[in-house]
N, C-alpha and C. Protein backbone atom coordinates (compact mmCIF):
# COMPACT_ATOMS: atom_id res chain seq x y z
N MET A 1 0.83 -1.21 0.00
CA MET A 1 0.00 0.00 0.00
C MET A 1 0.86 1.26 0.00
N THR A 2 2.13 1.14 0.36
CA THR A 2 2.98 2.32 0.50
C THR A 2 3.18 3.05 -0.83
N LEU A 3 3.57 2.35 -1.87
CA LEU A 3 3.83 3.02 -3.15
C LEU A 3 2.58 3.67 -3.74
N PRO A 4 1.43 2.99 -3.79
CA PRO A 4 0.23 3.68 -4.29
C PRO A 4 -0.15 4.90 -3.44
N ALA A 5 0.02 4.80 -2.12
CA ALA A 5 -0.29 5.95 -1.25
C ALA A 5 0.64 7.12 -1.57
N TYR A 6 1.93 6.82 -1.74
CA TYR A 6 2.88 7.88 -2.08
C TYR A 6 2.58 8.51 -3.43
N ILE A 7 2.28 7.69 -4.41
CA ILE A 7 1.99 8.23 -5.75
C ILE A 7 0.73 9.08 -5.72
N GLY A 8 -0.31 8.59 -5.07
CA GLY A 8 -1.54 9.38 -4.94
C GLY A 8 -1.32 10.67 -4.18
N ALA A 9 -0.54 10.60 -3.10
CA ALA A 9 -0.24 11.79 -2.31
C ALA A 9 0.53 12.81 -3.14
N ALA A 10 1.50 12.34 -3.91
CA ALA A 10 2.29 13.26 -4.73
C ALA A 10 1.42 13.96 -5.75
N LEU A 11 0.57 13.22 -6.44
CA LEU A 11 -0.31 13.85 -7.43
C LEU A 11 -1.28 14.84 -6.78
N ALA A 12 -1.81 14.46 -5.62
CA ALA A 12 -2.73 15.35 -4.92
C ALA A 12 -2.02 16.62 -4.44
N GLU A 13 -0.81 16.47 -3.91
CA GLU A 13 -0.09 17.64 -3.43
C GLU A 13 0.29 18.57 -4.58
N ILE A 14 0.80 18.00 -5.65
CA ILE A 14 1.21 18.84 -6.78
C ILE A 14 0.00 19.55 -7.39
N ALA A 15 -1.10 18.83 -7.55
CA ALA A 15 -2.30 19.46 -8.11
C ALA A 15 -2.81 20.57 -7.19
N GLY A 16 -2.80 20.32 -5.89
CA GLY A 16 -3.27 21.35 -4.95
C GLY A 16 -2.37 22.57 -4.95
N CYS A 17 -1.08 22.35 -4.96
CA CYS A 17 -0.14 23.48 -4.99
C CYS A 17 -0.22 24.21 -6.33
N PHE A 18 -0.43 23.47 -7.40
CA PHE A 18 -0.54 24.11 -8.71
C PHE A 18 -1.77 25.00 -8.78
N ALA A 19 -2.84 24.61 -8.10
CA ALA A 19 -4.04 25.46 -8.08
C ALA A 19 -3.70 26.83 -7.48
N PHE A 20 -2.92 26.85 -6.42
CA PHE A 20 -2.49 28.12 -5.83
C PHE A 20 -1.56 28.88 -6.77
N TRP A 21 -0.63 28.16 -7.39
CA TRP A 21 0.29 28.76 -8.36
C TRP A 21 -0.51 29.40 -9.50
N ALA A 22 -1.50 28.66 -10.01
CA ALA A 22 -2.29 29.16 -11.13
C ALA A 22 -3.07 30.41 -10.73
N TRP A 23 -3.61 30.42 -9.52
CA TRP A 23 -4.37 31.58 -9.06
C TRP A 23 -3.45 32.80 -8.90
N LEU A 24 -2.31 32.60 -8.25
CA LEU A 24 -1.43 33.73 -7.96
C LEU A 24 -0.52 34.14 -9.12
N ARG A 25 -0.09 33.18 -9.93
CA ARG A 25 0.92 33.48 -10.95
C ARG A 25 0.38 33.45 -12.38
N LEU A 26 -0.73 32.74 -12.59
CA LEU A 26 -1.27 32.60 -13.94
C LEU A 26 -2.62 33.29 -14.10
N ASP A 27 -2.99 34.06 -13.08
CA ASP A 27 -4.24 34.84 -13.12
C ASP A 27 -5.50 34.01 -13.31
N LYS A 28 -5.53 32.82 -12.75
CA LYS A 28 -6.74 32.00 -12.77
C LYS A 28 -7.69 32.52 -11.70
N PRO A 29 -8.99 32.25 -11.84
CA PRO A 29 -9.95 32.76 -10.85
C PRO A 29 -9.75 32.15 -9.47
N VAL A 30 -10.20 32.87 -8.46
CA VAL A 30 -10.01 32.45 -7.07
C VAL A 30 -10.68 31.11 -6.78
N TRP A 31 -11.72 30.75 -7.51
CA TRP A 31 -12.39 29.48 -7.25
C TRP A 31 -11.48 28.28 -7.52
N TRP A 32 -10.35 28.47 -8.21
CA TRP A 32 -9.38 27.39 -8.39
C TRP A 32 -8.87 26.88 -7.03
N LEU A 33 -8.98 27.73 -6.01
CA LEU A 33 -8.50 27.33 -4.69
C LEU A 33 -9.38 26.25 -4.05
N ILE A 34 -10.63 26.15 -4.44
CA ILE A 34 -11.53 25.15 -3.84
C ILE A 34 -11.05 23.73 -4.14
N PRO A 35 -10.87 23.36 -5.41
CA PRO A 35 -10.33 22.01 -5.65
C PRO A 35 -8.88 21.89 -5.17
N GLY A 36 -8.15 23.02 -5.15
CA GLY A 36 -6.78 22.99 -4.66
C GLY A 36 -6.71 22.59 -3.20
N VAL A 37 -7.55 23.19 -2.39
CA VAL A 37 -7.58 22.85 -0.96
C VAL A 37 -8.05 21.41 -0.76
N ALA A 38 -9.07 21.00 -1.50
CA ALA A 38 -9.55 19.62 -1.40
C ALA A 38 -8.43 18.64 -1.76
N SER A 39 -7.67 18.97 -2.76
CA SER A 39 -6.56 18.13 -3.18
C SER A 39 -5.49 18.04 -2.09
N LEU A 40 -5.22 19.15 -1.42
CA LEU A 40 -4.23 19.14 -0.35
C LEU A 40 -4.72 18.35 0.86
N VAL A 41 -6.01 18.37 1.13
CA VAL A 41 -6.57 17.54 2.20
C VAL A 41 -6.41 16.06 1.84
N LEU A 42 -6.69 15.72 0.59
CA LEU A 42 -6.51 14.34 0.13
C LEU A 42 -5.04 13.92 0.25
N PHE A 43 -4.13 14.80 -0.09
CA PHE A 43 -2.70 14.54 0.05
C PHE A 43 -2.36 14.15 1.49
N ALA A 44 -2.82 14.94 2.44
CA ALA A 44 -2.51 14.67 3.85
C ALA A 44 -3.10 13.33 4.28
N TYR A 45 -4.31 13.05 3.86
CA TYR A 45 -4.94 11.77 4.20
C TYR A 45 -4.14 10.59 3.64
N LEU A 46 -3.77 10.69 2.37
CA LEU A 46 -3.05 9.58 1.72
C LEU A 46 -1.73 9.27 2.42
N LEU A 47 -1.06 10.28 2.93
CA LEU A 47 0.20 10.01 3.65
C LEU A 47 -0.02 9.20 4.92
N THR A 48 -1.22 9.28 5.49
CA THR A 48 -1.48 8.48 6.70
C THR A 48 -1.62 7.00 6.37
N LEU A 49 -1.76 6.63 5.10
CA LEU A 49 -1.91 5.23 4.70
C LEU A 49 -0.57 4.52 4.52
N VAL A 50 0.52 5.26 4.61
CA VAL A 50 1.85 4.68 4.42
C VAL A 50 2.21 3.80 5.60
N GLU A 51 2.75 2.62 5.29
CA GLU A 51 3.17 1.68 6.33
C GLU A 51 4.48 2.15 6.96
N SER A 52 4.38 2.84 8.06
CA SER A 52 5.56 3.32 8.78
C SER A 52 5.17 3.56 10.23
N ALA A 53 6.08 3.22 11.12
CA ALA A 53 5.82 3.43 12.54
C ALA A 53 5.98 4.89 12.95
N ALA A 54 6.65 5.68 12.10
CA ALA A 54 6.92 7.08 12.45
C ALA A 54 6.53 7.99 11.28
N ALA A 55 5.77 9.01 11.59
CA ALA A 55 5.32 9.95 10.55
C ALA A 55 6.50 10.62 9.86
N GLY A 56 7.48 11.05 10.63
CA GLY A 56 8.63 11.74 10.05
C GLY A 56 9.37 10.90 9.03
N ARG A 57 9.49 9.60 9.31
CA ARG A 57 10.15 8.70 8.36
C ARG A 57 9.31 8.55 7.09
N ALA A 58 8.01 8.44 7.25
CA ALA A 58 7.13 8.34 6.08
C ALA A 58 7.23 9.60 5.23
N TYR A 59 7.27 10.76 5.88
CA TYR A 59 7.36 12.03 5.14
C TYR A 59 8.70 12.17 4.44
N ALA A 60 9.76 11.75 5.11
CA ALA A 60 11.10 11.86 4.53
C ALA A 60 11.21 11.01 3.27
N ALA A 61 10.73 9.77 3.35
CA ALA A 61 10.78 8.89 2.18
C ALA A 61 9.88 9.41 1.07
N TYR A 62 8.77 10.02 1.43
CA TYR A 62 7.85 10.59 0.44
C TYR A 62 8.54 11.64 -0.42
N GLY A 63 9.50 12.33 0.14
CA GLY A 63 10.20 13.39 -0.60
C GLY A 63 10.74 12.91 -1.94
N GLY A 64 11.29 11.71 -1.99
CA GLY A 64 11.81 11.18 -3.25
C GLY A 64 10.72 10.98 -4.28
N ILE A 65 9.59 10.45 -3.84
CA ILE A 65 8.46 10.23 -4.74
C ILE A 65 7.93 11.58 -5.24
N TYR A 66 7.86 12.55 -4.33
CA TYR A 66 7.37 13.88 -4.71
C TYR A 66 8.26 14.50 -5.79
N ILE A 67 9.55 14.35 -5.66
CA ILE A 67 10.47 14.93 -6.65
C ILE A 67 10.25 14.31 -8.02
N VAL A 68 10.12 12.99 -8.08
CA VAL A 68 9.89 12.33 -9.36
C VAL A 68 8.53 12.76 -9.94
N ALA A 69 7.51 12.81 -9.11
CA ALA A 69 6.19 13.23 -9.58
C ALA A 69 6.21 14.68 -10.06
N SER A 70 6.96 15.52 -9.39
CA SER A 70 7.06 16.92 -9.81
C SER A 70 7.70 17.04 -11.19
N LEU A 71 8.70 16.22 -11.45
CA LEU A 71 9.32 16.24 -12.78
C LEU A 71 8.35 15.69 -13.84
N GLY A 72 7.55 14.71 -13.46
CA GLY A 72 6.50 14.23 -14.37
C GLY A 72 5.49 15.32 -14.67
N TRP A 73 5.12 16.10 -13.67
CA TRP A 73 4.21 17.24 -13.85
C TRP A 73 4.85 18.27 -14.77
N LEU A 74 6.11 18.56 -14.53
CA LEU A 74 6.85 19.52 -15.35
C LEU A 74 6.74 19.15 -16.82
N TRP A 75 6.90 17.86 -17.10
CA TRP A 75 6.90 17.39 -18.48
C TRP A 75 5.49 17.31 -19.06
N THR A 76 4.55 16.67 -18.34
CA THR A 76 3.23 16.41 -18.91
C THR A 76 2.29 17.62 -18.87
N VAL A 77 2.36 18.41 -17.82
CA VAL A 77 1.43 19.53 -17.67
C VAL A 77 2.04 20.83 -18.19
N GLU A 78 3.32 21.07 -17.85
CA GLU A 78 3.94 22.33 -18.23
C GLU A 78 4.70 22.25 -19.55
N GLY A 79 4.85 21.05 -20.08
CA GLY A 79 5.47 20.88 -21.39
C GLY A 79 6.97 21.11 -21.43
N ILE A 80 7.63 21.01 -20.28
CA ILE A 80 9.09 21.18 -20.22
C ILE A 80 9.71 19.83 -19.90
N ARG A 81 10.51 19.33 -20.80
CA ARG A 81 11.12 18.02 -20.61
C ARG A 81 12.27 18.11 -19.60
N PRO A 82 12.26 17.24 -18.58
CA PRO A 82 13.36 17.24 -17.62
C PRO A 82 14.69 16.92 -18.32
N ASP A 83 15.75 17.56 -17.86
CA ASP A 83 17.06 17.30 -18.46
C ASP A 83 17.78 16.20 -17.68
N ARG A 84 18.99 15.88 -18.10
CA ARG A 84 19.71 14.78 -17.46
C ARG A 84 20.02 15.06 -16.00
N TRP A 85 20.19 16.31 -15.64
CA TRP A 85 20.47 16.64 -14.24
C TRP A 85 19.22 16.45 -13.39
N ASP A 86 18.07 16.80 -13.95
CA ASP A 86 16.81 16.54 -13.25
C ASP A 86 16.66 15.04 -12.99
N LEU A 87 16.91 14.24 -14.02
CA LEU A 87 16.75 12.78 -13.91
C LEU A 87 17.77 12.17 -12.96
N ALA A 88 19.00 12.63 -13.02
CA ALA A 88 20.03 12.12 -12.11
C ALA A 88 19.66 12.45 -10.65
N GLY A 89 19.24 13.67 -10.41
CA GLY A 89 18.83 14.06 -9.06
C GLY A 89 17.65 13.25 -8.57
N ALA A 90 16.69 13.01 -9.47
CA ALA A 90 15.51 12.23 -9.09
C ALA A 90 15.90 10.80 -8.73
N LEU A 91 16.81 10.20 -9.48
CA LEU A 91 17.27 8.84 -9.16
C LEU A 91 17.96 8.78 -7.81
N LEU A 92 18.78 9.79 -7.52
CA LEU A 92 19.42 9.84 -6.20
C LEU A 92 18.38 9.94 -5.08
N CYS A 93 17.37 10.76 -5.31
CA CYS A 93 16.33 10.93 -4.29
C CYS A 93 15.52 9.65 -4.10
N LEU A 94 15.23 8.94 -5.19
CA LEU A 94 14.51 7.67 -5.07
C LEU A 94 15.34 6.64 -4.30
N ALA A 95 16.62 6.62 -4.55
CA ALA A 95 17.49 5.70 -3.81
C ALA A 95 17.45 6.04 -2.32
N GLY A 96 17.52 7.31 -2.00
CA GLY A 96 17.44 7.73 -0.60
C GLY A 96 16.10 7.37 0.02
N ALA A 97 15.02 7.57 -0.72
CA ALA A 97 13.70 7.23 -0.21
C ALA A 97 13.59 5.73 0.07
N ALA A 98 14.13 4.92 -0.82
CA ALA A 98 14.09 3.47 -0.64
C ALA A 98 14.86 3.06 0.62
N VAL A 99 16.00 3.66 0.86
CA VAL A 99 16.78 3.36 2.05
C VAL A 99 15.99 3.75 3.31
N ILE A 100 15.37 4.91 3.27
CA ILE A 100 14.63 5.38 4.45
C ILE A 100 13.43 4.49 4.75
N ILE A 101 12.64 4.17 3.75
CA ILE A 101 11.40 3.46 4.00
C ILE A 101 11.59 1.95 4.16
N ALA A 102 12.60 1.38 3.48
CA ALA A 102 12.73 -0.07 3.50
C ALA A 102 13.93 -0.58 4.28
N GLY A 103 14.72 0.33 4.82
CA GLY A 103 15.89 -0.10 5.58
C GLY A 103 15.52 -0.92 6.79
N PRO A 104 16.37 -1.89 7.15
CA PRO A 104 16.07 -2.73 8.32
C PRO A 104 16.08 -1.90 9.61
N ARG A 105 15.15 -2.16 10.45
CA ARG A 105 15.01 -1.43 11.71
C ARG A 105 15.11 -2.40 12.88
N ALA A 106 15.69 -1.97 13.93
CA ALA A 106 15.72 -2.77 15.17
C ALA A 106 14.31 -2.81 15.75
N ALA A 107 13.92 -3.94 16.25
CA ALA A 107 12.56 -4.10 16.78
C ALA A 107 12.37 -3.46 18.09
């Protein structure tokens, strides 16, 4: 359940934040904030579904997924293709997220 929760949370967070970006930076109407706030609430809920004994660890590992999802948003929604440095950084972050979430823990 961890990976689907992280992917859903990332999409919800990016969409919610983009609604604010669109309102403030792209001159979209203020009502864009309504689905934006709902999306951010969904984001917070989805993070509670992650299998982790500690919230901070779940949030830290989520950071890697968020970075990859943000680059996907950059490409698919904003039409800007990530460059090799974006991809290299994303791979490093995913490796770090995997270590944080799946590393062996003392009982």
